[in-house]
Protein backbone atom coordinates (compact mmCIF):
# COMPACT_ATOMS: atom_id res chain seq x y z
CA UNK A 1 0.00 0.00 0.00
CA UNK A 2 2.86 2.33 0.93
CA UNK A 3 4.55 1.49 -2.37
CA UNK A 4 1.42 2.38 -4.34
CA UNK A 5 1.16 5.72 -2.52
CA UNK A 6 4.81 6.40 -3.33
CA UNK A 7 4.20 5.59 -7.04
CA UNK A 8 1.32 8.03 -7.31
CA UNK A 9 3.28 10.69 -5.43
CA UNK A 10 6.20 10.42 -7.86
CA UNK A 11 3.87 10.46 -10.88
CA UNK A 12 2.08 13.61 -9.73
CA UNK A 13 5.33 15.32 -8.77
CA UNK A 14 6.87 14.52 -12.16
CA UNK A 15 3.84 15.89 -13.97
CA UNK A 16 4.01 19.10 -11.97
CA UNK A 17 7.70 19.50 -12.81
CA UNK A 18 7.03 18.98 -16.55
CA UNK A 19 4.23 21.54 -16.55
CA UNK A 20 6.39 24.02 -14.67
CA UNK A 21 9.26 23.56 -17.14
CA UNK A 22 6.93 24.08 -20.10
CA UNK A 23 5.52 27.25 -18.53
CA UNK A 24 9.03 28.63 -17.88
CA UNK A 25 10.13 27.90 -21.46
CA UNK A 26 7.02 29.61 -22.81
CA UNK A 27 7.67 32.70 -20.72
CA UNK A 28 11.38 32.90 -21.53
CA UNK A 29 11.16 32.10 -25.27
CA UNK A 30 10.87 35.12 -27.61
CA UNK A 31 7.48 35.33 -29.33
CA UNK A 32 7.38 34.06 -32.91
CA UNK A 33 7.26 36.86 -35.43
CA UNK A 34 3.88 36.98 -37.21
CA UNK A 35 5.79 37.87 -40.41
CA UNK A 36 8.00 34.77 -40.43
CA UNK A 37 7.26 32.94 -43.67
CA UNK A 38 9.01 30.58 -46.04
CA UNK A 39 11.29 32.54 -48.33
CA UNK A 40 11.16 32.28 -52.10
CA UNK A 41 8.64 30.36 -54.16
CA UNK A 42 7.73 26.69 -54.11
CA UNK A 43 6.92 25.00 -57.44
CA UNK A 44 3.57 23.26 -56.89
CA UNK A 45 2.57 22.51 -60.50
CA UNK A 46 4.23 22.30 -63.90
CA UNK A 47 2.86 21.66 -67.38
CA UNK A 48 4.89 21.36 -70.58
CA UNK A 49 8.29 22.97 -71.06
CA UNK A 50 9.34 24.95 -67.98
CA UNK A 51 12.95 25.94 -67.25
CA UNK A 52 14.82 28.05 -64.71
CA UNK A 53 18.22 29.65 -64.20
CA UNK A 54 20.13 31.47 -61.47
CA UNK A 55 20.74 35.20 -61.60
CA UNK A 56 23.61 36.01 -63.93
CA UNK A 57 23.74 32.50 -65.38
CA UNK A 58 23.34 31.60 -69.06
CA UNK A 59 22.51 27.98 -68.25
CA UNK A 60 18.83 26.98 -68.29
CA UNK A 61 17.71 23.79 -66.50
CA UNK A 62 14.41 21.89 -66.40
CA UNK A 63 12.28 23.06 -63.46
CA UNK A 64 11.32 20.22 -61.13
CA UNK A 65 8.08 19.90 -59.21
CA UNK A 66 8.73 20.70 -55.55
CA UNK A 67 11.76 22.90 -56.27
CA UNK A 68 12.19 26.07 -54.22
CA UNK A 69 13.18 29.19 -56.12
CA UNK A 70 15.04 32.04 -54.44
CA UNK A 71 15.76 35.69 -55.16
CA UNK A 72 17.08 36.28 -58.66
CA UNK A 73 15.96 32.92 -60.05
CA UNK A 74 14.23 33.24 -63.43
CA UNK A 75 11.54 31.03 -64.95
CA UNK A 76 10.68 30.70 -68.61
CA UNK A 77 7.82 28.70 -70.08
CA UNK A 78 7.28 27.38 -73.58
CA UNK A 79 4.18 27.25 -75.72
CA UNK A 80 1.18 25.51 -74.06
CA UNK A 81 3.19 25.43 -70.80
CA UNK A 82 2.79 26.92 -67.33
CA UNK A 83 4.16 26.74 -63.78
CA UNK A 84 2.33 27.14 -60.48
CA UNK A 85 4.16 28.80 -57.57
CA UNK A 86 3.29 28.99 -53.87
CA UNK A 87 4.67 32.10 -52.13
CA UNK A 88 4.60 33.10 -48.46
CA UNK A 89 2.81 29.86 -47.64
CA UNK A 90 -0.61 30.92 -48.94
CA UNK A 91 -0.50 33.03 -52.11
CA UNK A 92 -0.25 31.48 -55.57
CA UNK A 93 1.14 32.69 -58.90
CA UNK A 94 0.60 30.92 -62.23
CA UNK A 95 3.28 31.70 -64.80
CA UNK A 96 1.55 31.41 -68.18
CA UNK A 97 2.82 30.16 -71.53
CA UNK A 98 5.67 31.96 -73.32
CA UNK A 99 6.54 33.93 -70.19
CA UNK A 100 9.74 35.09 -68.47
CA UNK A 101 9.35 35.71 -64.73
CA UNK A 102 11.90 36.57 -62.02
CA UNK A 103 11.66 35.94 -58.27
CA UNK A 104 12.55 39.18 -56.48
CA UNK A 105 13.42 40.11 -52.91
CA UNK A 106 11.37 39.18 -49.86
CA UNK A 107 11.45 41.22 -46.67
CA UNK A 108 9.16 41.71 -43.68
CA UNK A 109 6.92 44.25 -45.40
CA UNK A 110 6.96 43.22 -49.08
CA UNK A 111 7.57 40.51 -51.65
CA UNK A 112 8.62 41.49 -55.18
CA UNK A 113 8.66 39.87 -58.62
CA UNK A 114 9.58 40.91 -62.16
CA UNK A 115 7.66 40.12 -65.34
CA UNK A 116 9.54 40.18 -68.62
CA UNK A 117 7.38 38.98 -71.49
CA UNK A 118 4.13 37.03 -71.06
CA UNK A 119 1.44 36.77 -68.40
CA UNK A 120 1.01 35.79 -64.76
CA UNK A 121 -2.17 35.08 -62.81
CA UNK A 122 -1.87 35.87 -59.10
CA UNK A 123 -4.03 35.07 -56.09
CA UNK A 124 -2.64 37.05 -53.14
CA UNK A 125 -3.83 36.27 -49.62
CA UNK A 126 -3.67 38.95 -46.93
CA UNK A 127 -0.75 38.43 -44.57
CA UNK A 128 0.23 40.93 -41.88
CA UNK A 129 0.03 43.98 -44.17
CA UNK A 130 2.68 42.61 -46.54
CA UNK A 131 2.51 44.05 -50.04
CA UNK A 132 3.21 42.07 -53.17
CA UNK A 133 4.96 44.03 -55.91
CA UNK A 134 4.97 43.00 -59.57
CA UNK A 135 7.37 45.05 -61.70
CA UNK A 136 7.69 45.19 -65.48
CA UNK A 137 11.25 44.72 -66.72
CA UNK A 138 10.76 46.94 -69.79
CA UNK A 139 8.90 49.84 -68.17
CA UNK A 140 8.42 51.52 -64.81
CA UNK A 141 4.98 49.94 -64.39
CA UNK A 142 4.35 48.48 -60.94
CA UNK A 143 1.33 46.47 -59.75
CA UNK A 144 0.92 46.36 -55.97
CA UNK A 145 -1.55 44.67 -53.61
CA UNK A 146 -1.82 43.08 -50.18
CA UNK A 147 -4.89 41.03 -51.10
CA UNK A 148 -6.45 40.31 -54.48
CA UNK A 149 -6.66 38.23 -57.63
CA UNK A 150 -5.44 39.60 -60.96
CA UNK A 151 -3.86 38.91 -64.35
CA UNK A 152 -0.81 40.92 -65.43
CA UNK A 153 0.71 40.78 -68.92
CA UNK A 154 3.62 42.47 -70.70
CA UNK A 155 4.71 42.46 -74.33
CA UNK A 156 8.36 43.06 -73.40
CA UNK A 157 8.33 46.43 -75.17
CA UNK A 158 6.76 48.59 -72.46
CA UNK A 159 3.08 47.63 -72.79
CA UNK A 160 1.48 46.33 -69.57
CA UNK A 161 -2.15 45.26 -69.05
CA UNK A 162 -3.70 44.58 -65.63
CA UNK A 163 -7.09 42.91 -64.97
CA UNK A 164 -8.36 42.71 -61.38
CA UNK A 165 -10.68 39.84 -60.43
CA UNK A 166 -10.94 40.25 -56.67
CA UNK A 167 -9.75 42.71 -54.05
CA UNK A 168 -7.88 45.89 -54.95
CA UNK A 169 -4.69 46.34 -56.99
CA UNK A 170 -2.76 49.58 -57.51
CA UNK A 171 -1.06 50.14 -60.88
CA UNK A 172 1.60 52.85 -61.13
CA UNK A 173 3.68 54.23 -64.02
CA UNK A 174 5.11 57.57 -65.16
CA UNK A 175 4.33 59.20 -61.80
CA UNK A 176 0.62 58.29 -61.77
CA UNK A 177 -1.34 55.58 -59.97
CA UNK A 178 -4.79 54.09 -60.41
CA UNK A 179 -6.64 51.69 -58.13
CA UNK A 180 -8.47 48.79 -59.70
CA UNK A 181 -11.21 46.82 -58.01
CA UNK A 182 -13.08 43.71 -59.08
CA UNK A 183 -13.78 43.49 -62.81
CA UNK A 184 -11.60 46.43 -63.87
CA UNK A 185 -8.74 46.80 -66.39
CA UNK A 186 -5.99 49.37 -66.87
CA UNK A 187 -3.34 49.56 -69.60
CA UNK A 188 0.13 51.12 -69.52
CA UNK A 189 1.51 52.10 -72.91
CA UNK A 190 5.26 52.64 -73.36
CA UNK A 191 6.36 55.76 -71.47
CA UNK A 192 2.81 56.66 -70.48
CA UNK A 193 0.84 56.55 -67.20
CA UNK A 194 -1.81 53.88 -66.65
CA UNK A 195 -5.21 54.41 -68.24
CA UNK A 196 -8.22 55.05 -66.05
CA UNK A 197 -9.83 51.94 -64.62
CA UNK A 198 -12.53 50.55 -66.93
CA UNK A 199 -14.68 47.43 -67.01
CA UNK A 200 -12.95 44.31 -68.38
CA UNK A 201 -14.45 43.68 -71.84
CA UNK A 202 -16.66 40.61 -72.14
CA UNK A 203 -15.27 39.79 -75.60
CA UNK A 204 -12.31 40.41 -77.87
CA UNK A 205 -12.11 41.78 -81.41
CA UNK A 206 -9.92 40.32 -84.15
CA UNK A 207 -9.27 41.64 -87.63
CA UNK A 208 -6.90 39.87 -90.04
CA UNK A 209 -5.47 40.98 -93.38
CA UNK A 210 -5.26 37.73 -95.30
CA UNK A 211 -2.67 37.19 -98.05
CA UNK A 212 -3.74 36.50 -101.65
CA UNK A 213 -5.15 33.05 -102.46
CA UNK A 214 -2.30 32.21 -104.86
CA UNK A 215 1.33 32.61 -103.86
CA UNK A 216 4.73 31.86 -105.42
CA UNK A 217 6.65 31.75 -102.11
CA UNK A 218 6.70 29.57 -99.01
CA UNK A 219 6.57 32.41 -96.49
CA UNK A 220 3.88 35.03 -96.08
CA UNK A 221 3.27 38.03 -93.83
CA UNK A 222 0.09 37.93 -91.76
CA UNK A 223 -1.04 41.12 -90.03
CA UNK A 224 -4.08 42.34 -88.16
CA UNK A 225 -5.50 44.09 -85.15
CA UNK A 226 -6.95 42.97 -81.81
CA UNK A 227 -7.06 44.08 -78.17
CA UNK A 228 -3.79 45.67 -77.02
CA UNK A 229 -1.45 43.19 -75.33
CA UNK A 230 -3.38 40.10 -76.42
CA UNK A 231 -1.54 36.87 -77.18
CA UNK A 232 -1.90 36.04 -80.88
CA UNK A 233 -1.18 32.60 -82.36
CA UNK A 234 -0.81 32.15 -86.13
CA UNK A 235 -0.32 28.55 -87.21
CA UNK A 236 1.63 27.88 -84.01
CA UNK A 237 3.66 31.10 -84.03
CA UNK A 238 2.97 33.13 -80.86
CA UNK A 239 3.31 36.93 -80.73
CA UNK A 240 1.76 39.76 -78.69
CA UNK A 241 -0.27 42.63 -80.04
CA UNK A 242 1.34 46.03 -79.46
CA UNK A 243 -0.01 49.05 -77.59
CA UNK A 244 -2.43 49.81 -80.43
CA UNK A 245 -3.49 46.18 -80.86
CA UNK A 246 -1.52 45.68 -84.08
CA UNK A 247 0.33 42.43 -84.80
CA UNK A 248 2.37 41.04 -87.69
CA UNK A 249 4.26 37.79 -88.22
CA UNK A 250 6.10 35.95 -90.98
CA UNK A 251 4.46 32.54 -91.36
CA UNK A 252 5.97 29.60 -93.27
CA UNK A 253 3.84 27.75 -95.82
CA UNK A 254 4.27 24.49 -97.69
CA UNK A 255 4.05 23.77 -101.36
CA UNK A 256 0.48 23.17 -102.43
CA UNK A 257 -2.64 23.80 -100.36
CA UNK A 258 -2.45 25.76 -97.07
CA UNK A 259 -4.79 27.30 -94.52
CA UNK A 260 -4.04 29.96 -91.89
CA UNK A 261 -5.59 29.87 -88.41
CA UNK A 262 -5.31 33.00 -86.25
CA UNK A 263 -6.41 33.12 -82.61
CA UNK A 264 -6.24 36.02 -80.15
CA UNK A 265 -6.63 35.78 -76.36
CA UNK A 266 -6.66 38.72 -73.96
CA UNK A 267 -5.80 38.91 -70.24
CA UNK A 268 -9.30 37.90 -69.22
CA UNK A 269 -9.23 34.75 -71.35
CA UNK A 270 -11.56 36.09 -74.05
CA UNK A 271 -10.65 34.31 -77.29
CA UNK A 272 -11.52 34.70 -80.96
CA UNK A 273 -10.40 32.44 -83.81
CA UNK A 274 -10.44 33.13 -87.54
CA UNK A 275 -9.45 30.93 -90.49
CA UNK A 276 -8.36 31.89 -93.98
CA UNK A 277 -9.65 30.40 -97.16
CA UNK A 278 -7.47 27.92 -99.02
CA UNK A 279 -4.07 29.27 -100.06
CA UNK A 280 -2.28 27.69 -103.00
CA UNK A 281 1.51 27.88 -103.05
CA UNK A 282 3.51 27.03 -106.17
CA UNK A 283 7.20 27.91 -106.36
CA UNK A 284 7.83 25.97 -109.58
CA UNK A 285 8.48 28.14 -112.66
CA UNK A 286 5.68 28.09 -115.24
CA UNK A 287 5.99 25.41 -117.90
CA UNK A 288 6.76 26.89 -121.31
CA UNK A 289 5.88 24.84 -124.39
CA UNK A 290 7.47 25.67 -127.78
CA UNK A 291 5.96 24.47 -131.01
CA UNK A 292 9.01 23.79 -133.21
CA UNK A 293 7.11 22.07 -136.04
CA UNK A 294 7.58 24.91 -138.51
CA UNK A 295 10.74 26.36 -136.92
CA UNK A 296 13.16 25.15 -139.69
CA UNK A 297 11.03 25.89 -142.72
């Protein structure tokens, strides 16, 4: 009986000591910073051809699922390709097809990125008043938010288009800023301030100047007009419409019968497709027949 009482005494005493130690450690330990997050970006999805390189390096490598990218690392995606990134543990960025994107610095108050050519879709979750900054490499345009969903595109020549889906995003350039809320678009043309916020169009326009139906060469110029900054695909060749919506590309053809297919897609995903009539290509010289029957008479 005495032994049983001793056992329970030791068990209770030990428990009290453990609880006391835990309480002391809790009091003495510095509080965890609410702004402590995982640095860089974690690759959570990958489709098609996606590569990355370190800052200052000329060597591109395949980007692996689960890789963590740090400041200065650059991503590039091929046609029909994309990469999904997780940043700060909660926010996501989708790097679209034919895009160059750079991971920037990350400090207590902000996280920054740089967009070269292409498009990113971002879903930014609020986190202790941190701001997320998206810069354009070829202009002074800057998109900034602490909570929101948006699409940002750049043609690599100074044109930037921003569509806001949720929350509020600020777009700045040339000393002027505009605030965009849900369902609004603003465009920055080279060297100019952002346009006033306007409703995102529900559709896209597409005009194409088709080449003649008969051609004597295996390459033809295709030009047209669509929404500024839209991604245009012509028989697999991808370009971006300029600040006025104009586009032009040299498209290879094959001998014989051909058809051209042109599609345009804007930031919001609005798409229009147009097809040419049949194009006949013949590079063979015309056949010349000479009637020599009476030539020597």
